[in-house]
Amino acid sequence: MKFKDYYETLGVKRDATQDQIKSAYRKLARKFHPDVSKESDAEARFKEMGEAYKVLKDPESRASYDRLGANWQNGQDFQPPPNADAGFEYGGRGAQAGFGDASDFGEYFEQMFGRQTGFGQGRRRTVHAQGEDHHAKVEIDLEDAYRGAERNISLRMPVVDDNGHVVTKDRTLSVNIPKGIRAGQTLRLSGQGGPGVGEGKAGDLYLEIVFRPHPRYRVDGRDVYVDLPLAPWEAALGASVNVPIPEGSVELTIPPNSVGGRKLRLKGKGIPGKEAGDLYVVLTIVLPPADTEAAKEAYRKLQEAIPFNPRAV
């Protein structure tokens, strides 16, 4: 998709205060309102300004937008990275109601951040004793889910300073990652949310767990997948191969006449739990390069010895 520069849409600088953003939107809204404007593109411009203002008027959504859009120009091809909002702490009703719904910010913003973001739609602070619950998405390693771990996590929370600018407040927490946790599960840290009013207790902090991309493994629920490269003779004749798994390694028997894409299941070797997941070893066939005369001759002899047309299979 194409990157949209919301600041350019409203005609303000990136370091504009919240009041300046509000003022710019109101001025443009009066100019391009479809009921009064004579501009041919008034309706489209009005819609674009509304989407931009919905994002920039909220300190939390603005901070997330700034984080992703700092190095992009309007109209450039843009692909948001996975878990773009990981490490950001959010408050408001979004944290209390299933992490909110980014669709209220427009289709483009929803594509950027997905539906499970922390932006509380129309956040309103009311006077009450208990502080707001906050939430954040945090990344852990797959190995942490196998063994459990104690980890220090750094969170950044957008706030508005005394001059009306959006800044981030950083903090670090020590968190116990329980063995067997899955992506999508939530950890509750009591009293680590927003401060209470008066004598009221602080709210809670909810941490949604996601796994960092792993160079070797893929995860689906509690099941884990790993690719195992094989030489053609190992797949054809069978072999005993050492396979790395998150808990160490296992010696795996490759059945004769195995084909690429075949999955060998290691029961109970997935993410631990009351019902542990499985680990699936996906076989891939790797051909040796014919980069020497000896290798080429070996391939010619194989061709003569085994009449085989893969397109006839």
Foldseek 3Di string as FASTA:
>chain_A
DWDADLCVLLVHDLFDFLVVLVVSLVVLCVALVPVPHPDPCSVVSNVSNVLSNQQCNALQSSVLCCQQPVPDDGGDDDQADPPSQAQEKAWACCVVPQQAACCVSPDVSCRNHPGRHNDHRPGDDDADFEATEMEHEHADAQLCQAPKDWDKGKHWYWDADPVRGIDIDIDIDTDTGDHQDWQQDKDKAAQPAGQGDDPHTYHIYIYGYDYDDDPAWDDDTQEIEGEDEDEPCCQAVWDWDWAQASVGIDTDTRDHNHDFQDWDKDAQRTGDDPRGYIYIYGYDYDYDDCPDPVSVVVVVVVCVVDVDDPVVD
